[in-house]
C-alpha cells in the first residue's frame, strides 16, 4: 500500500513488510513506515500508475533506477528508517518499455551492488507476453526463466504468483550455486 493509515493497520495486524509502489512518497508514508518497525520495500516507478506507460523514457535505465532508489534510501534514512530494514525493487513494468525491462534485467547485478536486498516481481508480467506471445495465464515458463536468472544474478526475493513451481526452480539454482562454491 501507499496509504499511511493502511501501513499502520497492516503492521498492527502482523504484516511483515511494507511494499509501496510509490516508495513512501505520499504524505505521512515515511513516518508510518518508520513507526511500524517493519521492513520496507521501495520500488522504482517512472510516473504514476495511471500514466506511467504513456511515454517512459530513459538514457540509461539501470543507472537512473539505481539513482532513484539510492535517493529514496537517503530519504528513508533521514526519516529514521534503518538501512537494514530496506529492500529495493527495480519496478519491472512500472513506467518501462519492453526494452527498458530487458536492459534493467541485465543490470540486476549492478542493483545488487547497491548494498540492499533486491526484490524482483516479474511473474506473469506483460514483458513475458511481449517476448513469448503468451496470454497472462500461460506465462509460467517465462516467469520461471526470469526468476532463476534473477536468483543467479543475486536477487534475494522473488515475488511470484506461482509459488510451488518458482520454489522448485529456485531450489535448483541454489543447489547448483552452492555446489559450485564447494568444489
N, C-alpha and C. Protein backbone atom coordinates (compact mmCIF):
# COMPACT_ATOMS: atom_id res chain seq x y z
N UNK A 1 0.82 -1.20 0.00
CA UNK A 1 0.00 0.00 0.00
C UNK A 1 0.86 1.25 0.00
N UNK A 2 0.31 2.32 -0.48
CA UNK A 2 0.94 3.64 -0.41
C UNK A 2 0.25 4.50 0.64
N UNK A 3 -0.78 3.97 1.24
CA UNK A 3 -1.60 4.71 2.19
C UNK A 3 -1.04 4.56 3.61
N UNK A 4 -0.62 5.67 4.24
CA UNK A 4 -0.03 5.59 5.59
C UNK A 4 -0.96 4.94 6.63
N UNK A 5 -2.24 5.22 6.56
CA UNK A 5 -3.18 4.62 7.51
C UNK A 5 -3.20 3.10 7.36
N UNK A 6 -3.22 2.63 6.12
CA UNK A 6 -3.21 1.18 5.88
C UNK A 6 -1.89 0.55 6.30
N UNK A 7 -0.79 1.28 6.14
CA UNK A 7 0.50 0.77 6.61
C UNK A 7 0.45 0.50 8.10
N UNK A 8 -0.08 1.46 8.84
CA UNK A 8 -0.17 1.32 10.30
C UNK A 8 -1.10 0.16 10.68
N UNK A 9 -2.23 0.06 10.00
CA UNK A 9 -3.19 -1.02 10.30
C UNK A 9 -2.60 -2.38 9.96
N UNK A 10 -1.92 -2.48 8.83
CA UNK A 10 -1.31 -3.75 8.42
C UNK A 10 -0.23 -4.17 9.42
N UNK A 11 0.55 -3.20 9.88
CA UNK A 11 1.59 -3.51 10.88
C UNK A 11 0.95 -4.02 12.16
N UNK A 12 -0.13 -3.39 12.58
CA UNK A 12 -0.82 -3.80 13.80
C UNK A 12 -1.42 -5.20 13.68
N UNK A 13 -1.76 -5.58 12.45
CA UNK A 13 -2.35 -6.90 12.22
C UNK A 13 -1.31 -7.99 11.94
N UNK A 14 -0.01 -7.62 11.97
CA UNK A 14 1.02 -8.63 11.84
C UNK A 14 1.73 -8.70 10.51
N UNK A 15 1.54 -7.72 9.63
CA UNK A 15 2.27 -7.73 8.36
C UNK A 15 3.77 -7.74 8.63
N UNK A 16 4.53 -8.26 7.70
CA UNK A 16 5.98 -8.34 7.88
C UNK A 16 6.75 -7.39 6.98
N UNK A 17 6.08 -6.78 5.99
CA UNK A 17 6.77 -5.94 5.02
C UNK A 17 5.80 -4.92 4.46
N UNK A 18 6.26 -3.69 4.36
CA UNK A 18 5.51 -2.66 3.62
C UNK A 18 6.08 -2.66 2.21
N UNK A 19 5.22 -2.86 1.23
CA UNK A 19 5.63 -2.88 -0.16
C UNK A 19 4.86 -1.76 -0.87
N UNK A 20 5.52 -0.63 -1.06
CA UNK A 20 4.87 0.58 -1.57
C UNK A 20 5.41 0.91 -2.96
N UNK A 21 4.56 0.81 -3.98
CA UNK A 21 4.99 1.10 -5.34
C UNK A 21 5.35 2.58 -5.52
N UNK A 22 4.93 3.42 -4.60
CA UNK A 22 5.26 4.84 -4.66
C UNK A 22 6.48 5.18 -3.78
N UNK A 23 7.11 4.19 -3.22
CA UNK A 23 8.35 4.38 -2.44
C UNK A 23 8.20 5.39 -1.31
N UNK A 24 7.08 5.33 -0.61
CA UNK A 24 6.83 6.17 0.56
C UNK A 24 6.83 7.66 0.22
N UNK A 25 6.34 8.03 -0.97
CA UNK A 25 6.29 9.43 -1.38
C UNK A 25 5.01 10.14 -0.97
N UNK A 26 3.98 9.41 -0.56
CA UNK A 26 2.76 10.07 -0.11
C UNK A 26 2.97 10.70 1.26
N UNK A 27 2.26 11.78 1.50
CA UNK A 27 2.37 12.48 2.77
C UNK A 27 2.10 11.54 3.94
N UNK A 28 3.04 11.49 4.87
CA UNK A 28 2.90 10.67 6.06
C UNK A 28 3.40 9.24 5.91
N UNK A 29 3.75 8.83 4.69
CA UNK A 29 4.15 7.44 4.47
C UNK A 29 5.50 7.12 5.11
N UNK A 30 6.46 8.03 5.00
CA UNK A 30 7.77 7.79 5.62
C UNK A 30 7.62 7.60 7.12
N UNK A 31 6.82 8.45 7.75
CA UNK A 31 6.63 8.37 9.20
C UNK A 31 5.89 7.09 9.59
N UNK A 32 4.88 6.73 8.82
CA UNK A 32 4.14 5.49 9.11
C UNK A 32 5.05 4.28 8.99
N UNK A 33 5.87 4.25 7.95
CA UNK A 33 6.80 3.14 7.77
C UNK A 33 7.82 3.11 8.90
N UNK A 34 8.36 4.27 9.25
CA UNK A 34 9.33 4.34 10.35
C UNK A 34 8.72 3.80 11.64
N UNK A 35 7.53 4.28 11.96
CA UNK A 35 6.88 3.91 13.21
C UNK A 35 6.47 2.45 13.27
N UNK A 36 6.25 1.84 12.10
CA UNK A 36 5.79 0.45 12.06
C UNK A 36 6.86 -0.53 12.52
N UNK A 37 8.12 -0.18 12.32
CA UNK A 37 9.21 -1.10 12.63
C UNK A 37 9.38 -2.21 11.61
N UNK A 38 8.56 -2.20 10.56
CA UNK A 38 8.59 -3.26 9.55
C UNK A 38 9.69 -3.03 8.52
N UNK A 39 10.05 -4.09 7.83
CA UNK A 39 10.89 -3.97 6.65
C UNK A 39 10.08 -3.20 5.60
N UNK A 40 10.79 -2.50 4.72
CA UNK A 40 10.15 -1.66 3.71
C UNK A 40 10.77 -1.94 2.36
N UNK A 41 9.92 -2.21 1.38
CA UNK A 41 10.38 -2.35 0.00
C UNK A 41 10.06 -1.05 -0.73
N UNK A 42 11.11 -0.42 -1.23
CA UNK A 42 10.92 0.78 -2.03
C UNK A 42 11.14 0.40 -3.50
N UNK A 43 10.22 0.86 -4.33
CA UNK A 43 10.22 0.45 -5.73
C UNK A 43 10.36 1.64 -6.64
N UNK A 44 11.04 1.44 -7.76
CA UNK A 44 11.13 2.48 -8.78
C UNK A 44 9.90 2.43 -9.68
N UNK A 45 9.37 3.60 -9.94
CA UNK A 45 8.29 3.75 -10.92
C UNK A 45 8.47 5.12 -11.56
N UNK A 46 8.52 5.15 -12.88
CA UNK A 46 8.57 6.44 -13.56
C UNK A 46 7.13 6.87 -13.82
N UNK A 47 6.74 8.00 -13.23
CA UNK A 47 5.37 8.48 -13.37
C UNK A 47 4.47 7.94 -12.28
N UNK A 48 3.21 7.92 -12.57
CA UNK A 48 2.18 7.43 -11.64
C UNK A 48 1.44 6.26 -12.29
N UNK A 49 0.80 5.41 -11.48
CA UNK A 49 0.15 4.23 -12.05
C UNK A 49 -0.76 4.50 -13.25
N UNK A 50 -1.50 5.57 -13.25
CA UNK A 50 -2.43 5.83 -14.36
C UNK A 50 -1.77 6.31 -15.64
N UNK A 51 -0.54 6.81 -15.54
CA UNK A 51 0.12 7.40 -16.71
C UNK A 51 1.50 6.83 -16.99
N UNK A 52 1.98 5.94 -16.15
CA UNK A 52 3.38 5.51 -16.22
C UNK A 52 3.77 4.86 -17.54
N UNK A 53 2.85 4.29 -18.27
CA UNK A 53 3.21 3.61 -19.52
C UNK A 53 2.99 4.49 -20.76
N UNK A 54 2.61 5.75 -20.57
CA UNK A 54 2.34 6.60 -21.73
C UNK A 54 3.59 6.85 -22.57
N UNK A 55 4.66 7.32 -21.98
CA UNK A 55 5.89 7.60 -22.74
C UNK A 55 7.13 7.44 -21.85
N UNK A 56 7.37 6.23 -21.33
CA UNK A 56 8.56 6.07 -20.49
C UNK A 56 9.82 6.36 -21.31
N UNK A 57 10.76 7.06 -20.67
CA UNK A 57 11.97 7.47 -21.37
C UNK A 57 13.15 7.44 -20.41
N UNK A 58 14.25 6.82 -20.85
CA UNK A 58 15.48 6.73 -20.07
C UNK A 58 16.66 6.89 -21.01
N UNK A 59 17.74 7.43 -20.49
CA UNK A 59 19.01 7.43 -21.21
C UNK A 59 19.78 6.16 -20.85
N UNK A 60 19.80 5.83 -19.54
CA UNK A 60 20.45 4.62 -19.02
C UNK A 60 19.55 4.10 -17.91
N UNK A 61 18.67 3.17 -18.22
CA UNK A 61 17.64 2.75 -17.29
C UNK A 61 18.22 2.21 -15.99
N UNK A 62 19.27 1.41 -16.05
CA UNK A 62 19.84 0.84 -14.82
C UNK A 62 20.42 1.94 -13.93
N UNK A 63 21.15 2.86 -14.52
CA UNK A 63 21.73 3.96 -13.73
C UNK A 63 20.64 4.85 -13.15
N UNK A 64 19.62 5.15 -13.92
CA UNK A 64 18.56 6.04 -13.45
C UNK A 64 17.73 5.38 -12.36
N UNK A 65 17.45 4.09 -12.50
CA UNK A 65 16.72 3.36 -11.46
C UNK A 65 17.57 3.30 -10.19
N UNK A 66 18.86 3.01 -10.34
CA UNK A 66 19.77 2.97 -9.20
C UNK A 66 19.80 4.31 -8.47
N UNK A 67 19.94 5.40 -9.22
CA UNK A 67 19.99 6.73 -8.63
C UNK A 67 18.70 7.04 -7.87
N UNK A 68 17.57 6.70 -8.47
CA UNK A 68 16.28 6.94 -7.82
C UNK A 68 16.19 6.16 -6.50
N UNK A 69 16.53 4.88 -6.55
CA UNK A 69 16.43 4.05 -5.35
C UNK A 69 17.37 4.54 -4.26
N UNK A 70 18.58 4.94 -4.62
CA UNK A 70 19.50 5.47 -3.62
C UNK A 70 18.99 6.78 -3.01
N UNK A 71 18.35 7.61 -3.81
CA UNK A 71 17.77 8.85 -3.28
C UNK A 71 16.64 8.53 -2.30
N UNK A 72 15.84 7.53 -2.63
CA UNK A 72 14.75 7.15 -1.71
C UNK A 72 15.32 6.53 -0.44
N UNK A 73 16.41 5.77 -0.56
CA UNK A 73 17.08 5.22 0.62
C UNK A 73 17.50 6.37 1.53
N UNK A 74 18.10 7.40 0.95
CA UNK A 74 18.52 8.56 1.75
C UNK A 74 17.34 9.22 2.44
N UNK A 75 16.22 9.35 1.73
CA UNK A 75 15.01 9.93 2.34
C UNK A 75 14.53 9.06 3.50
N UNK A 76 14.58 7.75 3.31
CA UNK A 76 14.16 6.83 4.38
C UNK A 76 15.07 6.97 5.60
N UNK A 77 16.36 7.02 5.36
CA UNK A 77 17.31 7.16 6.46
C UNK A 77 17.10 8.47 7.21
N UNK A 78 16.89 9.57 6.48
CA UNK A 78 16.64 10.86 7.12
C UNK A 78 15.37 10.83 7.96
N UNK A 79 14.41 9.99 7.55
CA UNK A 79 13.16 9.87 8.30
C UNK A 79 13.29 8.92 9.50
N UNK A 80 14.44 8.26 9.62
CA UNK A 80 14.66 7.37 10.75
C UNK A 80 14.45 5.90 10.47
N UNK A 81 14.38 5.52 9.21
CA UNK A 81 14.25 4.10 8.85
C UNK A 81 15.65 3.55 8.62
N UNK A 82 16.03 2.56 9.40
CA UNK A 82 17.38 2.00 9.31
C UNK A 82 17.58 1.28 7.98
N UNK A 83 18.81 1.35 7.48
CA UNK A 83 19.18 0.69 6.22
C UNK A 83 18.86 -0.80 6.22
N UNK A 84 19.03 -1.44 7.38
CA UNK A 84 18.81 -2.89 7.42
C UNK A 84 17.34 -3.27 7.33
N UNK A 85 16.46 -2.30 7.28
CA UNK A 85 15.03 -2.56 7.08
C UNK A 85 14.62 -2.38 5.63
N UNK A 86 15.54 -1.99 4.77
CA UNK A 86 15.19 -1.62 3.40
C UNK A 86 15.49 -2.71 2.39
N UNK A 87 14.57 -2.87 1.46
CA UNK A 87 14.66 -3.76 0.31
C UNK A 87 14.38 -2.88 -0.91
N UNK A 88 15.08 -3.12 -2.01
CA UNK A 88 14.83 -2.33 -3.22
C UNK A 88 14.23 -3.20 -4.32
N UNK A 89 13.37 -2.58 -5.12
CA UNK A 89 12.69 -3.25 -6.23
C UNK A 89 12.82 -2.35 -7.46
N UNK A 90 13.43 -2.84 -8.53
CA UNK A 90 13.60 -2.01 -9.73
C UNK A 90 12.30 -1.69 -10.44
N UNK A 91 11.21 -2.34 -10.09
CA UNK A 91 9.90 -1.98 -10.64
C UNK A 91 9.69 -2.38 -12.09
N UNK A 92 9.93 -3.64 -12.38
CA UNK A 92 9.70 -4.11 -13.75
C UNK A 92 8.25 -3.85 -14.15
N UNK A 93 8.09 -3.23 -15.32
CA UNK A 93 6.76 -2.95 -15.83
C UNK A 93 6.14 -1.66 -15.33
N UNK A 94 6.80 -0.96 -14.45
CA UNK A 94 6.26 0.28 -13.89
C UNK A 94 6.95 1.48 -14.54
N UNK A 95 6.39 1.96 -15.64
CA UNK A 95 6.99 3.08 -16.35
C UNK A 95 8.20 2.65 -17.15
N UNK A 96 8.09 1.49 -17.80
CA UNK A 96 9.20 0.97 -18.58
C UNK A 96 8.66 0.22 -19.80
N UNK A 97 9.35 0.37 -20.92
CA UNK A 97 9.02 -0.40 -22.12
C UNK A 97 9.65 -1.79 -22.01
N UNK A 98 9.35 -2.64 -22.98
CA UNK A 98 9.98 -3.96 -23.02
C UNK A 98 11.50 -3.81 -23.04
N UNK A 99 12.02 -2.95 -23.88
CA UNK A 99 13.48 -2.78 -23.97
C UNK A 99 14.06 -2.28 -22.65
N UNK A 100 13.37 -1.36 -21.99
CA UNK A 100 13.83 -0.90 -20.67
C UNK A 100 13.88 -2.07 -19.69
N UNK A 101 12.82 -2.88 -19.68
CA UNK A 101 12.76 -4.02 -18.76
C UNK A 101 13.88 -5.02 -19.02
N UNK A 102 14.15 -5.30 -20.28
CA UNK A 102 15.21 -6.25 -20.61
C UNK A 102 16.57 -5.70 -20.21
N UNK A 103 16.82 -4.43 -20.49
CA UNK A 103 18.09 -3.81 -20.11
C UNK A 103 18.24 -3.78 -18.59
N UNK A 104 17.17 -3.45 -17.90
CA UNK A 104 17.21 -3.41 -16.44
C UNK A 104 17.47 -4.80 -15.87
N UNK A 105 16.89 -5.81 -16.48
CA UNK A 105 17.12 -7.18 -16.03
C UNK A 105 18.60 -7.54 -16.18
N UNK A 106 19.18 -7.10 -17.28
CA UNK A 106 20.62 -7.36 -17.49
C UNK A 106 21.46 -6.62 -16.45
N UNK A 107 20.92 -5.58 -15.84
CA UNK A 107 21.65 -4.81 -14.84
C UNK A 107 21.37 -5.21 -13.41
N UNK A 108 20.74 -6.35 -13.19
CA UNK A 108 20.40 -6.76 -11.82
C UNK A 108 21.61 -6.88 -10.90
N UNK A 109 22.72 -7.38 -11.41
CA UNK A 109 23.92 -7.49 -10.56
C UNK A 109 24.36 -6.11 -10.06
N UNK A 110 24.28 -5.12 -10.92
CA UNK A 110 24.64 -3.76 -10.51
C UNK A 110 23.70 -3.26 -9.42
N UNK A 111 22.42 -3.55 -9.53
CA UNK A 111 21.46 -3.15 -8.49
C UNK A 111 21.78 -3.85 -7.18
N UNK A 112 22.17 -5.11 -7.25
CA UNK A 112 22.56 -5.84 -6.05
C UNK A 112 23.79 -5.23 -5.40
N UNK A 113 24.63 -4.60 -6.20
CA UNK A 113 25.82 -3.96 -5.69
C UNK A 113 25.55 -2.69 -4.91
N UNK A 114 24.31 -2.24 -4.86
CA UNK A 114 23.96 -1.05 -4.09
C UNK A 114 23.96 -1.33 -2.59
N UNK A 115 23.97 -2.62 -2.22
CA UNK A 115 24.08 -2.98 -0.81
C UNK A 115 22.77 -3.26 -0.11
N UNK A 116 21.71 -3.49 -0.86
CA UNK A 116 20.41 -3.81 -0.28
C UNK A 116 19.87 -5.08 -0.92
N UNK A 117 19.07 -5.84 -0.17
CA UNK A 117 18.41 -6.97 -0.81
C UNK A 117 17.54 -6.45 -1.96
N UNK A 118 17.56 -7.17 -3.07
CA UNK A 118 16.77 -6.79 -4.24
C UNK A 118 15.57 -7.73 -4.32
N UNK A 119 14.41 -7.14 -4.54
CA UNK A 119 13.17 -7.87 -4.77
C UNK A 119 12.81 -7.71 -6.24
N UNK A 120 12.43 -8.80 -6.88
CA UNK A 120 12.01 -8.76 -8.28
C UNK A 120 10.64 -9.41 -8.39
N UNK A 121 9.74 -8.70 -9.05
CA UNK A 121 8.41 -9.23 -9.33
C UNK A 121 8.19 -9.23 -10.83
N UNK A 122 8.36 -10.38 -11.46
CA UNK A 122 8.18 -10.46 -12.92
C UNK A 122 7.18 -11.54 -13.31
N UNK A 123 6.63 -12.23 -12.35
CA UNK A 123 5.69 -13.30 -12.61
C UNK A 123 4.50 -12.80 -13.45
N UNK A 124 4.29 -13.46 -14.58
CA UNK A 124 3.17 -13.19 -15.48
C UNK A 124 3.16 -11.78 -16.07
N UNK A 125 4.25 -11.06 -15.98
CA UNK A 125 4.31 -9.67 -16.46
C UNK A 125 4.12 -9.58 -17.97
N UNK A 126 3.72 -8.41 -18.42
CA UNK A 126 3.49 -8.19 -19.84
C UNK A 126 4.77 -8.37 -20.65
N UNK A 127 5.94 -8.12 -20.05
CA UNK A 127 7.19 -8.31 -20.79
C UNK A 127 7.33 -9.76 -21.26
N UNK A 128 6.85 -10.70 -20.46
CA UNK A 128 6.89 -12.12 -20.85
C UNK A 128 5.96 -12.34 -22.04
N UNK A 129 4.78 -11.77 -21.97
CA UNK A 129 3.83 -11.88 -23.07
C UNK A 129 4.34 -11.24 -24.35
N UNK A 130 5.04 -10.12 -24.22
CA UNK A 130 5.57 -9.44 -25.40
C UNK A 130 6.65 -10.28 -26.08
N UNK A 131 7.44 -10.98 -25.29
CA UNK A 131 8.51 -11.81 -25.86
C UNK A 131 7.97 -13.14 -26.38
N UNK A 132 7.09 -13.78 -25.61
CA UNK A 132 6.63 -15.13 -25.95
C UNK A 132 5.34 -15.18 -26.75
N UNK A 133 4.57 -14.11 -26.70
CA UNK A 133 3.26 -14.10 -27.34
C UNK A 133 2.19 -14.83 -26.54
N UNK A 134 2.50 -15.19 -25.31
CA UNK A 134 1.58 -15.95 -24.47
C UNK A 134 0.63 -15.03 -23.70
N UNK A 135 -0.62 -15.48 -23.52
CA UNK A 135 -1.53 -14.72 -22.65
C UNK A 135 -1.12 -14.87 -21.19
N UNK A 136 -1.64 -14.02 -20.35
CA UNK A 136 -1.20 -13.96 -18.95
C UNK A 136 -1.27 -15.31 -18.25
N UNK A 137 -2.27 -16.13 -18.50
CA UNK A 137 -2.41 -17.41 -17.81
C UNK A 137 -1.48 -18.50 -18.36
N UNK A 138 -0.67 -18.17 -19.38
CA UNK A 138 0.26 -19.16 -19.95
C UNK A 138 1.70 -18.65 -19.93
N UNK A 139 2.05 -17.88 -18.90
CA UNK A 139 3.38 -17.28 -18.82
C UNK A 139 4.27 -17.91 -17.76
N UNK A 140 3.91 -19.10 -17.29
CA UNK A 140 4.68 -19.74 -16.23
C UNK A 140 6.13 -19.98 -16.64
N UNK A 141 6.36 -20.56 -17.80
CA UNK A 141 7.73 -20.86 -18.22
C UNK A 141 8.58 -19.60 -18.28
N UNK A 142 8.05 -18.54 -18.84
CA UNK A 142 8.79 -17.28 -18.90
C UNK A 142 9.07 -16.73 -17.52
N UNK A 143 8.09 -16.82 -16.63
CA UNK A 143 8.28 -16.35 -15.26
C UNK A 143 9.33 -17.15 -14.52
N UNK A 144 9.34 -18.46 -14.73
CA UNK A 144 10.35 -19.31 -14.08
C UNK A 144 11.74 -19.00 -14.62
N UNK A 145 11.84 -18.77 -15.93
CA UNK A 145 13.13 -18.42 -16.51
C UNK A 145 13.65 -17.12 -15.90
N UNK A 146 12.79 -16.13 -15.78
CA UNK A 146 13.21 -14.85 -15.19
C UNK A 146 13.54 -15.00 -13.71
N UNK A 147 12.77 -15.79 -12.98
CA UNK A 147 13.05 -15.98 -11.55
C UNK A 147 14.42 -16.62 -11.34
N UNK A 148 14.74 -17.63 -12.16
CA UNK A 148 16.04 -18.29 -12.00
C UNK A 148 17.18 -17.38 -12.44
N UNK A 149 16.98 -16.62 -13.50
CA UNK A 149 18.02 -15.67 -13.91
C UNK A 149 18.22 -14.60 -12.84
N UNK A 150 17.13 -14.15 -12.23
CA UNK A 150 17.22 -13.15 -11.16
C UNK A 150 18.00 -13.71 -9.97
N UNK A 151 17.66 -14.92 -9.57
CA UNK A 151 18.37 -15.52 -8.43
C UNK A 151 19.84 -15.69 -8.74
N UNK A 152 20.14 -16.11 -9.95
CA UNK A 152 21.54 -16.28 -10.34
C UNK A 152 22.29 -14.95 -10.35
N UNK A 153 21.55 -13.84 -10.56
CA UNK A 153 22.16 -12.51 -10.55
C UNK A 153 22.25 -11.92 -9.14
N UNK A 154 21.81 -12.70 -8.14
CA UNK A 154 21.93 -12.24 -6.76
C UNK A 154 20.68 -11.68 -6.13
N UNK A 155 19.57 -11.72 -6.84
CA UNK A 155 18.31 -11.23 -6.27
C UNK A 155 17.95 -12.09 -5.07
N UNK A 156 17.54 -11.46 -3.99
CA UNK A 156 17.26 -12.16 -2.74
C UNK A 156 15.79 -12.52 -2.56
N UNK A 157 14.87 -11.77 -3.20
CA UNK A 157 13.44 -12.01 -3.01
C UNK A 157 12.78 -12.03 -4.38
N UNK A 158 12.01 -13.08 -4.65
CA UNK A 158 11.26 -13.21 -5.89
C UNK A 158 9.79 -13.23 -5.53
N UNK A 159 9.07 -12.24 -6.05
CA UNK A 159 7.61 -12.19 -5.84
C UNK A 159 6.97 -12.91 -7.03
N UNK A 160 6.07 -13.86 -6.73
CA UNK A 160 5.52 -14.69 -7.79
C UNK A 160 4.06 -15.05 -7.51
N UNK A 161 3.35 -15.37 -8.58
CA UNK A 161 2.01 -15.91 -8.47
C UNK A 161 2.06 -17.43 -8.35
N UNK A 162 3.11 -18.03 -8.86
CA UNK A 162 3.24 -19.48 -8.97
C UNK A 162 4.28 -19.98 -7.97
N UNK A 163 3.87 -20.05 -6.72
CA UNK A 163 4.80 -20.27 -5.62
C UNK A 163 5.50 -21.63 -5.70
N UNK A 164 4.77 -22.70 -5.83
CA UNK A 164 5.38 -24.04 -5.80
C UNK A 164 6.37 -24.21 -6.95
N UNK A 165 5.97 -23.86 -8.16
CA UNK A 165 6.87 -24.02 -9.32
C UNK A 165 8.09 -23.11 -9.17
N UNK A 166 7.89 -21.90 -8.69
CA UNK A 166 9.02 -20.98 -8.50
C UNK A 166 9.98 -21.50 -7.44
N UNK A 167 9.45 -22.03 -6.35
CA UNK A 167 10.31 -22.60 -5.30
C UNK A 167 11.15 -23.74 -5.85
N UNK A 168 10.54 -24.62 -6.64
CA UNK A 168 11.30 -25.72 -7.23
C UNK A 168 12.43 -25.20 -8.13
N UNK A 169 12.11 -24.24 -8.97
CA UNK A 169 13.12 -23.69 -9.88
C UNK A 169 14.24 -23.02 -9.09
N UNK A 170 13.88 -22.27 -8.06
CA UNK A 170 14.88 -21.56 -7.27
C UNK A 170 15.72 -22.52 -6.43
N UNK A 171 15.14 -23.61 -5.97
CA UNK A 171 15.92 -24.62 -5.24
C UNK A 171 17.02 -25.19 -6.13
N UNK A 172 16.74 -25.33 -7.42
CA UNK A 172 17.75 -25.83 -8.34
C UNK A 172 18.90 -24.82 -8.50
N UNK A 173 18.55 -23.54 -8.59
CA UNK A 173 19.60 -22.51 -8.68
C UNK A 173 20.48 -22.55 -7.44
N UNK A 174 19.85 -22.62 -6.27
CA UNK A 174 20.61 -22.66 -5.01
C UNK A 174 21.50 -23.90 -4.98
N UNK A 175 20.96 -25.06 -5.34
CA UNK A 175 21.74 -26.30 -5.30
C UNK A 175 22.96 -26.20 -6.22
N UNK A 176 22.77 -25.69 -7.41
CA UNK A 176 23.88 -25.57 -8.36
C UNK A 176 24.91 -24.57 -7.85
N UNK A 177 24.45 -23.41 -7.38
CA UNK A 177 25.38 -22.38 -6.91
C UNK A 177 26.11 -22.81 -5.64
N UNK A 178 25.45 -23.51 -4.73
CA UNK A 178 26.11 -23.99 -3.51
C UNK A 178 27.18 -25.00 -3.86
N UNK A 179 26.88 -25.91 -4.75
CA UNK A 179 27.86 -26.95 -5.11
C UNK A 179 29.02 -26.34 -5.89
N UNK A 180 28.77 -25.29 -6.63
CA UNK A 180 29.83 -24.63 -7.39
C UNK A 180 30.85 -24.00 -6.45
N UNK A 181 30.41 -23.55 -5.28
CA UNK A 181 31.33 -22.90 -4.34
C UNK A 181 32.04 -23.90 -3.44
N UNK A 182 31.59 -25.16 -3.41
CA UNK A 182 32.23 -26.17 -2.56
C UNK A 182 33.17 -27.08 -3.33
N UNK A 183 33.18 -26.97 -4.63
CA UNK A 183 34.03 -27.85 -5.45
C UNK A 183 35.45 -27.31 -5.50
